[in-house]
Amino acid sequence: MSEKSNKKLAAVKAVSVAVDLSEKIGRRLRVDAALNGLSPQDQLRKMIGLSYKKPQRPRVTLSLREEDYGYLGERYGVKTTDTNEIKKSVINEISNILHKK
C-alpha cells in the first residue's frame, strides 16, 4: 500500500469528538485560538498535547446568498450578477475596517 493510501486510510479512521463547552469557556477557547493563530480544533489539540499544524494562510469564510449579492451589488454600485467584483468590494471593505482598528 502506498504512503498516500495509508494517509487516506488513517484519515478515514479518525473519529470526531464533540466537545460541549459553556458559552464563556467556548469564547475563551476561540479567543485563545485566534491569539495563537490556530483554529479552535487545533487549539484543543494543542491544549491536550496532540500534534497540530499552524495554518499556512489563515482563512475566514463568508457565505453569500443570492439576496446578499443583490443588496451588496446595489450598495457598491456593481451589477448584482458580477459576483467577482462584489467579492472584491467586500474584501476591500472588510480590510479597510480591520486596518482602522
C-alpha atoms as a PDB file:
ATOM      1  CA  MET A   1       0.000   0.000   0.000  1.00  0.00           C
ATOM      2  CA  SER A   2       1.355   3.443  -0.948  1.00  0.00           C
ATOM      3  CA  GLU A   3       2.034   6.202   1.565  1.00  0.00           C
ATOM      4  CA  LYS A   4      -0.814   8.229   0.040  1.00  0.00           C
ATOM      5  CA  SER A   5      -3.219   5.313   0.541  1.00  0.00           C
ATOM      6  CA  ASN A   6      -2.044   4.896   4.139  1.00  0.00           C
ATOM      7  CA  LYS A   7      -2.744   8.573   4.858  1.00  0.00           C
ATOM      8  CA  LYS A   8      -6.232   8.311   3.330  1.00  0.00           C
ATOM      9  CA  LEU A   9      -6.953   5.208   5.398  1.00  0.00           C
ATOM     10  CA  ALA A  10      -5.748   6.951   8.566  1.00  0.00           C
ATOM     11  CA  ALA A  11      -7.991   9.928   7.794  1.00  0.00           C
ATOM     12  CA  VAL A  12     -10.973   7.623   7.363  1.00  0.00           C
ATOM     13  CA  LYS A  13     -10.252   6.010  10.734  1.00  0.00           C
ATOM     14  CA  ALA A  14     -10.222   9.380  12.533  1.00  0.00           C
ATOM     15  CA  VAL A  15     -13.204   9.904  14.814  1.00  0.00           C
ATOM     16  CA  SER A  16     -14.681  13.299  15.638  1.00  0.00           C
ATOM     17  CA  VAL A  17     -15.276  14.001  19.292  1.00  0.00           C
ATOM     18  CA  ALA A  18     -17.810  16.722  20.061  1.00  0.00           C
ATOM     19  CA  VAL A  19     -16.843  18.890  22.997  1.00  0.00           C
ATOM     20  CA  ASP A  20     -19.715  20.746  24.656  1.00  0.00           C
ATOM     21  CA  LEU A  21     -18.500  23.910  26.358  1.00  0.00           C
ATOM     22  CA  SER A  22     -20.232  26.664  28.250  1.00  0.00           C
ATOM     23  CA  GLU A  23     -20.575  29.928  26.337  1.00  0.00           C
ATOM     24  CA  LYS A  24     -17.866  31.561  28.469  1.00  0.00           C
ATOM     25  CA  ILE A  25     -15.382  28.685  28.016  1.00  0.00           C
ATOM     26  CA  GLY A  26     -16.161  28.409  24.294  1.00  0.00           C
ATOM     27  CA  ARG A  27     -15.496  32.120  23.838  1.00  0.00           C
ATOM     28  CA  ARG A  28     -12.225  31.816  25.752  1.00  0.00           C
ATOM     29  CA  LEU A  29     -11.195  28.888  23.532  1.00  0.00           C
ATOM     30  CA  ARG A  30     -11.911  30.883  20.353  1.00  0.00           C
ATOM     31  CA  VAL A  31     -10.011  33.917  21.676  1.00  0.00           C
ATOM     32  CA  ASP A  32      -7.010  31.796  22.698  1.00  0.00           C
ATOM     33  CA  ALA A  33      -7.071  30.070  19.302  1.00  0.00           C
ATOM     34  CA  ALA A  34      -7.138  33.413  17.497  1.00  0.00           C
ATOM     35  CA  LEU A  35      -4.298  34.790  19.611  1.00  0.00           C
ATOM     36  CA  ASN A  36      -2.241  31.677  18.807  1.00  0.00           C
ATOM     37  CA  GLY A  37      -3.114  31.777  15.097  1.00  0.00           C
ATOM     38  CA  LEU A  38      -4.911  28.441  15.334  1.00  0.00           C
ATOM     39  CA  SER A  39      -8.355  27.075  14.627  1.00  0.00           C
ATOM     40  CA  PRO A  40     -10.393  26.191  17.720  1.00  0.00           C
ATOM     41  CA  GLN A  41      -9.886  22.495  16.860  1.00  0.00           C
ATOM     42  CA  ASP A  42      -6.111  22.894  16.691  1.00  0.00           C
ATOM     43  CA  GLN A  43      -6.160  24.937  19.909  1.00  0.00           C
ATOM     44  CA  LEU A  44      -7.901  21.992  21.620  1.00  0.00           C
ATOM     45  CA  ARG A  45      -5.323  19.587  20.157  1.00  0.00           C
ATOM     46  CA  LYS A  46      -2.513  21.820  21.451  1.00  0.00           C
ATOM     47  CA  MET A  47      -4.119  22.026  24.902  1.00  0.00           C
ATOM     48  CA  ILE A  48      -4.199  18.250  25.330  1.00  0.00           C
ATOM     49  CA  GLY A  49      -0.746  17.655  23.881  1.00  0.00           C
ATOM     50  CA  LEU A  50      -1.678  16.371  20.415  1.00  0.00           C
ATOM     51  CA  SER A  51       0.053  17.364  17.195  1.00  0.00           C
ATOM     52  CA  TYR A  52      -1.381  20.259  15.207  1.00  0.00           C
ATOM     53  CA  LYS A  53      -0.399  22.402  12.259  1.00  0.00           C
ATOM     54  CA  LYS A  54      -0.384  26.170  12.092  1.00  0.00           C
ATOM     55  CA  PRO A  55      -2.346  27.208   9.005  1.00  0.00           C
ATOM     56  CA  GLN A  56      -0.253  28.336   6.027  1.00  0.00           C
ATOM     57  CA  ARG A  57      -2.763  31.005   5.095  1.00  0.00           C
ATOM     58  CA  PRO A  58      -5.472  31.551   7.692  1.00  0.00           C
ATOM     59  CA  ARG A  59      -8.923  31.982   6.180  1.00  0.00           C
ATOM     60  CA  VAL A  60     -12.307  33.034   7.344  1.00  0.00           C
ATOM     61  CA  THR A  61     -15.218  32.211   5.084  1.00  0.00           C
ATOM     62  CA  LEU A  62     -18.293  34.298   4.443  1.00  0.00           C
ATOM     63  CA  SER A  63     -21.275  32.657   2.777  1.00  0.00           C
ATOM     64  CA  LEU A  64     -23.225  34.963   0.499  1.00  0.00           C
ATOM     65  CA  ARG A  65     -26.774  34.151  -0.588  1.00  0.00           C
ATOM     66  CA  GLU A  66     -28.385  35.404  -3.788  1.00  0.00           C
ATOM     67  CA  GLU A  67     -30.193  38.178  -1.914  1.00  0.00           C
ATOM     68  CA  ASP A  68     -26.861  39.202  -0.328  1.00  0.00           C
ATOM     69  CA  TYR A  69     -25.388  39.699  -3.802  1.00  0.00           C
ATOM     70  CA  GLY A  70     -28.419  41.809  -4.690  1.00  0.00           C
ATOM     71  CA  TYR A  71     -28.008  44.041  -1.652  1.00  0.00           C
ATOM     72  CA  LEU A  72     -24.215  44.300  -1.970  1.00  0.00           C
ATOM     73  CA  GLY A  73     -24.337  44.947  -5.719  1.00  0.00           C
ATOM     74  CA  GLU A  74     -26.638  47.901  -5.128  1.00  0.00           C
ATOM     75  CA  ARG A  75     -24.569  49.097  -2.187  1.00  0.00           C
ATOM     76  CA  TYR A  76     -21.301  49.004  -4.150  1.00  0.00           C
ATOM     77  CA  GLY A  77     -22.829  50.242  -7.413  1.00  0.00           C
ATOM     78  CA  VAL A  78     -21.978  46.993  -9.197  1.00  0.00           C
ATOM     79  CA  LYS A  79     -24.164  44.705 -11.307  1.00  0.00           C
ATOM     80  CA  THR A  80     -25.667  42.128  -8.958  1.00  0.00           C
ATOM     81  CA  THR A  81     -24.558  39.422 -11.403  1.00  0.00           C
ATOM     82  CA  ASP A  82     -20.889  40.499 -11.191  1.00  0.00           C
ATOM     83  CA  THR A  83     -20.116  38.277  -8.221  1.00  0.00           C
ATOM     84  CA  ASN A  84     -16.334  38.618  -8.606  1.00  0.00           C
ATOM     85  CA  GLU A  85     -16.481  42.406  -8.381  1.00  0.00           C
ATOM     86  CA  ILE A  86     -18.827  42.163  -5.400  1.00  0.00           C
ATOM     87  CA  LYS A  87     -16.418  39.758  -3.639  1.00  0.00           C
ATOM     88  CA  LYS A  88     -13.519  42.154  -4.295  1.00  0.00           C
ATOM     89  CA  SER A  89     -15.554  45.030  -2.878  1.00  0.00           C
ATOM     90  CA  VAL A  90     -16.440  43.002   0.230  1.00  0.00           C
ATOM     91  CA  ILE A  91     -12.777  42.088   0.807  1.00  0.00           C
ATOM     92  CA  ASN A  92     -11.714  45.725   0.366  1.00  0.00           C
ATOM     93  CA  GLU A  93     -14.363  46.968   2.788  1.00  0.00           C
ATOM     94  CA  ILE A  94     -13.520  44.364   5.423  1.00  0.00           C
ATOM     95  CA  SER A  95      -9.790  45.072   5.042  1.00  0.00           C
ATOM     96  CA  ASN A  96     -10.385  48.808   5.454  1.00  0.00           C
ATOM     97  CA  ILE A  97     -12.500  48.295   8.564  1.00  0.00           C
ATOM     98  CA  LEU A  98      -9.979  45.939  10.167  1.00  0.00           C
ATOM     99  CA  HIS A  99      -6.989  48.150   9.330  1.00  0.00           C
ATOM    100  CA  LYS A 100      -8.616  51.034  11.196  1.00  0.00           C
ATOM    101  CA  LYS A 101      -8.802  49.009  14.417  1.00  0.00           C
END
